[in-house]
Amino acid sequence: MEKTLRLDKLLADTGRWSRKEARALIRQGRLTVDGKATRQPELRVDPSAVGLAVDGEPICWSRHVYLLMNKPSGVLTATEDRHAPTVLDLVPEELRRPGLSPVGRLDKDTTGLLLLTDDGALNHALLSPKRHVDKVYLARIDGTISGDDVAAFRAGLTLEDGTVCLPAELEGLEPGLCRVTLREGKFHQVKRMLASRGLPVQALRRVSMGPLIMDETLPEGAVRPLKTEEVSALLSLTER
């Protein structure tokens, strides 16, 4: 990968400014490189070797992009589709990078936390069952959770088609609402596991993945870059 980047692209890659906005603020002299103001958007620098600041605020740059989406219902967790909108269609142009893709899948009608990144190592770490990364869901169900249901989830379920599910946690929160914690991500797994216990799912929402917790202030369908501390917590998973 090329080490140097244009200053306007570098700022746009942070997700805080569009390319046009980045060029404008650079020409206004608001960006400093190693403490010195520059007005050249086309200037190329190695972001890992220089100190950058806008209006005196240090700029953190990463060679990868990490985005949090509050996925709405009716959108496919895919990079492209000819017939239906995908989660990538919701990502603003200034946040897109080659190789950007969702980490795991949420069903078309499932909402909530979806991580998108171009960091393949992190993608693998979060999805590998060997890592035991918790994925937590809230499910609106038709029925009430019993002690037998909780025990069955904890023991690990074998579905009617022979699919073996690892042990999972099931917690009844109130009538018709439960929390499910998985450490894997098989096809329609939460819905199928609950259905096998006679508890059909009416609505499903993911609220966390490992250390990353859904930002409930993020509007449905919106996307934001992860905060520095959120990225650090996720990257620690690749060091295990």
Protein backbone atom coordinates (compact mmCIF):
# COMPACT_ATOMS: atom_id res chain seq x y z
CA MET A 1 0.00 0.00 0.00
CA GLU A 2 1.27 3.46 -0.88
CA LYS A 3 2.56 5.26 2.20
CA THR A 4 1.79 8.84 1.18
CA LEU A 5 -1.63 10.41 0.69
CA ARG A 6 -2.93 13.77 -0.45
CA LEU A 7 -3.91 15.94 2.49
CA ASP A 8 -7.48 16.43 1.24
CA LYS A 9 -8.00 12.68 0.87
CA LEU A 10 -6.44 12.00 4.24
CA LEU A 11 -8.87 14.37 5.97
CA ALA A 12 -11.82 12.97 4.01
CA ASP A 13 -10.83 9.43 5.04
CA THR A 14 -11.45 10.33 8.68
CA GLY A 15 -15.15 10.69 7.86
CA ARG A 16 -15.39 14.13 9.45
CA TRP A 17 -15.25 16.12 6.21
CA SER A 18 -16.11 15.56 2.57
CA ARG A 19 -13.28 15.88 0.06
CA LYS A 20 -14.63 19.33 -0.92
CA GLU A 21 -14.80 20.49 2.70
CA ALA A 22 -11.28 19.19 3.34
CA ARG A 23 -9.88 21.16 0.41
CA ALA A 24 -11.63 24.30 1.62
CA LEU A 25 -10.35 24.16 5.18
CA ILE A 26 -6.81 23.41 4.00
CA ARG A 27 -6.86 26.45 1.70
CA GLN A 28 -8.05 28.50 4.70
CA GLY A 29 -4.85 27.54 6.54
CA ARG A 30 -6.67 25.60 9.25
CA LEU A 31 -4.61 22.43 8.83
CA THR A 32 -1.11 22.13 10.28
CA VAL A 33 1.49 19.52 9.41
CA ASP A 34 4.03 19.10 12.21
CA GLY A 35 2.85 22.42 13.59
CA LYS A 36 3.16 24.37 10.34
CA ALA A 37 0.13 25.58 8.41
CA THR A 38 -0.22 24.51 4.80
CA ARG A 39 -2.65 25.63 2.11
CA GLN A 40 -1.90 22.85 -0.39
CA PRO A 41 -4.64 20.16 -0.51
CA GLU A 42 -2.57 18.22 -3.06
CA LEU A 43 0.47 17.94 -0.76
CA ARG A 44 1.31 14.28 -0.10
CA VAL A 45 2.44 13.12 3.34
CA ASP A 46 2.94 9.88 5.23
CA PRO A 47 0.19 10.14 7.89
CA SER A 48 2.02 7.71 10.16
CA ALA A 49 5.12 9.93 10.19
CA VAL A 50 3.70 13.44 10.67
CA GLY A 51 1.52 15.22 13.20
CA LEU A 52 -1.69 16.66 11.77
CA ALA A 53 -4.16 19.05 13.39
CA VAL A 54 -7.21 21.04 12.30
CA ASP A 55 -7.86 24.23 14.27
CA GLY A 56 -5.35 22.92 16.80
CA GLU A 57 -7.15 19.59 17.30
CA PRO A 58 -4.98 16.53 16.54
CA ILE A 59 -6.27 14.34 13.71
CA CYS A 60 -6.21 10.57 14.13
CA TRP A 61 -5.93 8.68 10.85
CA SER A 62 -6.07 4.96 10.21
CA ARG A 63 -5.18 2.92 7.17
CA HIS A 64 -8.48 1.14 7.69
CA VAL A 65 -12.00 2.49 8.08
CA TYR A 66 -14.30 1.31 10.87
CA LEU A 67 -17.96 2.30 10.65
CA LEU A 68 -20.95 1.74 12.91
CA MET A 69 -24.36 1.50 11.28
CA ASN A 70 -27.79 1.41 12.87
CA LYS A 71 -29.18 -0.99 10.29
CA PRO A 72 -32.83 -0.47 9.35
CA SER A 73 -35.26 -3.18 8.36
CA GLY A 74 -35.66 -3.91 4.66
CA VAL A 75 -31.99 -3.49 3.73
CA LEU A 76 -29.75 -6.38 2.68
CA THR A 77 -26.47 -7.01 4.49
CA ALA A 78 -24.49 -7.27 1.26
CA THR A 79 -22.09 -5.21 -0.80
CA GLU A 80 -24.33 -5.14 -3.87
CA ASP A 81 -27.64 -6.43 -5.16
CA ARG A 82 -29.54 -5.77 -8.38
CA HIS A 83 -32.99 -5.85 -6.85
CA ALA A 84 -32.83 -4.46 -3.31
CA PRO A 85 -30.97 -1.75 -1.38
CA THR A 86 -27.89 -2.87 0.54
CA VAL A 87 -26.15 -1.54 3.62
CA LEU A 88 -23.35 -0.14 1.45
CA ASP A 89 -25.93 2.04 -0.32
CA LEU A 90 -26.44 3.79 3.02
CA VAL A 91 -22.75 4.65 3.49
CA PRO A 92 -21.94 8.28 2.56
CA GLU A 93 -19.53 8.62 -0.35
CA GLU A 94 -16.82 10.23 1.77
CA LEU A 95 -16.70 7.18 4.08
CA ARG A 96 -16.40 4.55 1.38
CA ARG A 97 -13.17 2.68 0.78
CA PRO A 98 -12.22 -0.16 -1.58
CA GLY A 99 -12.86 -3.44 0.20
CA LEU A 100 -15.39 -2.00 2.65
CA SER A 101 -17.82 -4.72 3.71
CA PRO A 102 -20.12 -5.65 6.59
CA VAL A 103 -18.78 -7.88 9.37
CA GLY A 104 -21.15 -10.83 9.41
CA ARG A 105 -24.75 -10.66 8.30
CA LEU A 106 -28.00 -9.37 9.69
CA ASP A 107 -31.21 -10.65 8.12
CA LYS A 108 -33.08 -8.22 5.88
CA ASP A 109 -35.64 -7.50 8.58
CA THR A 110 -33.18 -7.48 11.51
CA THR A 111 -32.13 -4.09 12.82
CA GLY A 112 -29.36 -2.64 14.97
CA LEU A 113 -25.61 -2.80 15.23
CA LEU A 114 -23.67 -3.51 12.06
CA LEU A 115 -19.93 -2.98 11.77
CA LEU A 116 -18.42 -2.23 8.35
CA THR A 117 -14.68 -2.23 7.72
CA ASP A 118 -11.96 -2.89 5.17
CA ASP A 119 -9.82 -4.53 7.89
CA GLY A 120 -9.80 -8.21 6.98
CA ALA A 121 -7.94 -9.34 10.11
CA LEU A 122 -10.53 -7.75 12.38
CA ASN A 123 -13.38 -9.16 10.30
CA HIS A 124 -11.96 -12.66 10.77
CA ALA A 125 -11.34 -12.18 14.49
CA LEU A 126 -14.92 -11.06 15.15
CA LEU A 127 -16.52 -13.91 13.18
CA SER A 128 -14.32 -16.85 14.19
CA PRO A 129 -16.13 -19.15 16.69
CA LYS A 130 -12.71 -19.88 18.24
CA ARG A 131 -12.52 -16.27 19.42
CA HIS A 132 -15.77 -16.56 21.39
CA VAL A 133 -16.87 -13.02 20.54
CA ASP A 134 -20.34 -12.41 21.96
CA LYS A 135 -23.09 -11.12 19.68
CA VAL A 136 -26.09 -9.93 21.69
CA TYR A 137 -29.63 -9.60 20.35
CA LEU A 138 -32.97 -8.44 21.69
CA ALA A 139 -35.85 -10.50 20.35
CA ARG A 140 -39.56 -9.72 20.47
CA ILE A 141 -41.21 -13.15 20.60
CA ASP A 142 -44.63 -14.76 20.67
CA GLY A 143 -44.44 -16.60 23.98
CA THR A 144 -42.69 -16.61 27.34
CA ILE A 145 -39.21 -17.88 28.18
CA SER A 146 -39.11 -20.86 30.54
CA GLY A 147 -36.32 -22.37 32.60
CA ASP A 148 -36.25 -25.31 30.18
CA ASP A 149 -35.66 -22.92 27.27
CA VAL A 150 -32.74 -21.29 29.08
CA ALA A 151 -31.24 -24.72 29.87
CA ALA A 152 -31.65 -25.90 26.27
CA PHE A 153 -29.83 -22.86 24.90
CA ARG A 154 -27.06 -23.25 27.47
CA ALA A 155 -26.57 -26.90 26.52
CA GLY A 156 -26.45 -26.16 22.78
CA LEU A 157 -29.27 -26.91 20.37
CA THR A 158 -29.47 -29.26 17.40
CA LEU A 159 -32.04 -27.95 14.93
CA GLU A 160 -34.44 -30.09 12.88
CA ASP A 161 -32.18 -30.01 9.82
CA GLY A 162 -29.23 -31.27 11.86
CA THR A 163 -27.55 -27.87 12.34
CA VAL A 164 -25.60 -27.94 15.60
CA CYS A 165 -25.58 -24.65 17.52
CA LEU A 166 -22.97 -23.88 20.14
CA PRO A 167 -24.11 -23.18 23.69
CA ALA A 168 -25.77 -19.76 23.95
CA GLU A 169 -27.32 -17.59 26.63
CA LEU A 170 -31.05 -16.89 26.75
CA GLU A 171 -32.59 -14.45 29.20
CA GLY A 172 -36.25 -13.50 29.54
CA LEU A 173 -36.55 -9.76 30.15
CA GLU A 174 -40.31 -9.27 30.23
CA PRO A 175 -43.30 -11.03 28.65
CA GLY A 176 -42.61 -11.28 24.93
CA LEU A 177 -39.03 -9.94 25.12
CA CYS A 178 -35.72 -11.79 25.57
CA ARG A 179 -31.98 -11.36 25.19
CA VAL A 180 -29.91 -13.90 23.23
CA THR A 181 -26.10 -14.08 23.32
CA LEU A 182 -24.34 -16.09 20.59
CA ARG A 183 -20.69 -16.80 19.84
CA GLU A 184 -21.26 -17.76 16.21
CA GLY A 185 -23.44 -16.60 13.33
CA LYS A 186 -25.21 -19.33 11.41
CA PHE A 187 -27.99 -18.55 8.92
CA HIS A 188 -31.08 -17.08 10.69
CA GLN A 189 -29.64 -18.60 13.87
CA VAL A 190 -31.46 -16.61 16.56
CA LYS A 191 -34.81 -17.02 14.83
CA ARG A 192 -34.30 -20.72 14.21
CA MET A 193 -33.14 -21.44 17.76
CA LEU A 194 -36.09 -19.65 19.30
CA ALA A 195 -38.52 -21.21 16.83
CA SER A 196 -37.22 -24.66 17.81
CA ARG A 197 -38.44 -23.89 21.33
CA GLY A 198 -41.87 -22.80 20.12
CA LEU A 199 -41.01 -19.12 20.43
CA PRO A 200 -41.40 -17.48 16.99
CA VAL A 201 -39.57 -14.17 16.59
CA GLN A 202 -41.58 -11.10 15.67
CA ALA A 203 -38.71 -8.58 15.67
CA LEU A 204 -34.96 -8.86 16.17
CA ARG A 205 -32.31 -6.25 16.97
CA ARG A 206 -28.55 -6.64 17.54
CA VAL A 207 -27.31 -4.47 20.39
CA SER A 208 -23.63 -5.42 20.72
CA MET A 209 -20.74 -7.31 19.17
CA GLY A 210 -17.80 -7.98 21.45
CA PRO A 211 -16.86 -4.68 23.11
CA LEU A 212 -18.80 -2.62 20.56
CA ILE A 213 -22.19 -1.45 21.84
CA MET A 214 -24.95 0.01 19.71
CA ASP A 215 -25.08 3.80 19.86
CA GLU A 216 -28.79 4.34 20.38
CA THR A 217 -28.42 8.05 19.56
CA LEU A 218 -27.53 7.05 15.98
CA PRO A 219 -30.66 7.39 13.81
CA GLU A 220 -31.89 4.31 12.00
CA GLY A 221 -30.08 3.99 8.68
CA ALA A 222 -27.27 6.33 9.77
CA VAL A 223 -23.54 5.60 9.82
CA ARG A 224 -20.68 7.07 11.84
CA PRO A 225 -16.94 6.34 12.14
CA LEU A 226 -16.01 4.47 15.31
CA LYS A 227 -14.46 6.50 18.10
CA THR A 228 -10.77 5.95 18.86
CA GLU A 229 -11.53 3.97 22.01
CA GLU A 230 -14.03 1.77 20.16
CA VAL A 231 -11.45 0.92 17.50
CA SER A 232 -8.81 0.16 20.14
CA ALA A 233 -11.17 -2.19 21.98
CA LEU A 234 -12.00 -4.08 18.78
CA LEU A 235 -8.37 -4.32 17.63
CA SER A 236 -7.43 -5.88 20.96
CA LEU A 237 -9.39 -8.94 19.77
CA THR A 238 -6.84 -9.54 17.00
CA GLU A 239 -4.06 -9.78 19.57
CA ARG A 240 -5.46 -12.83 21.39
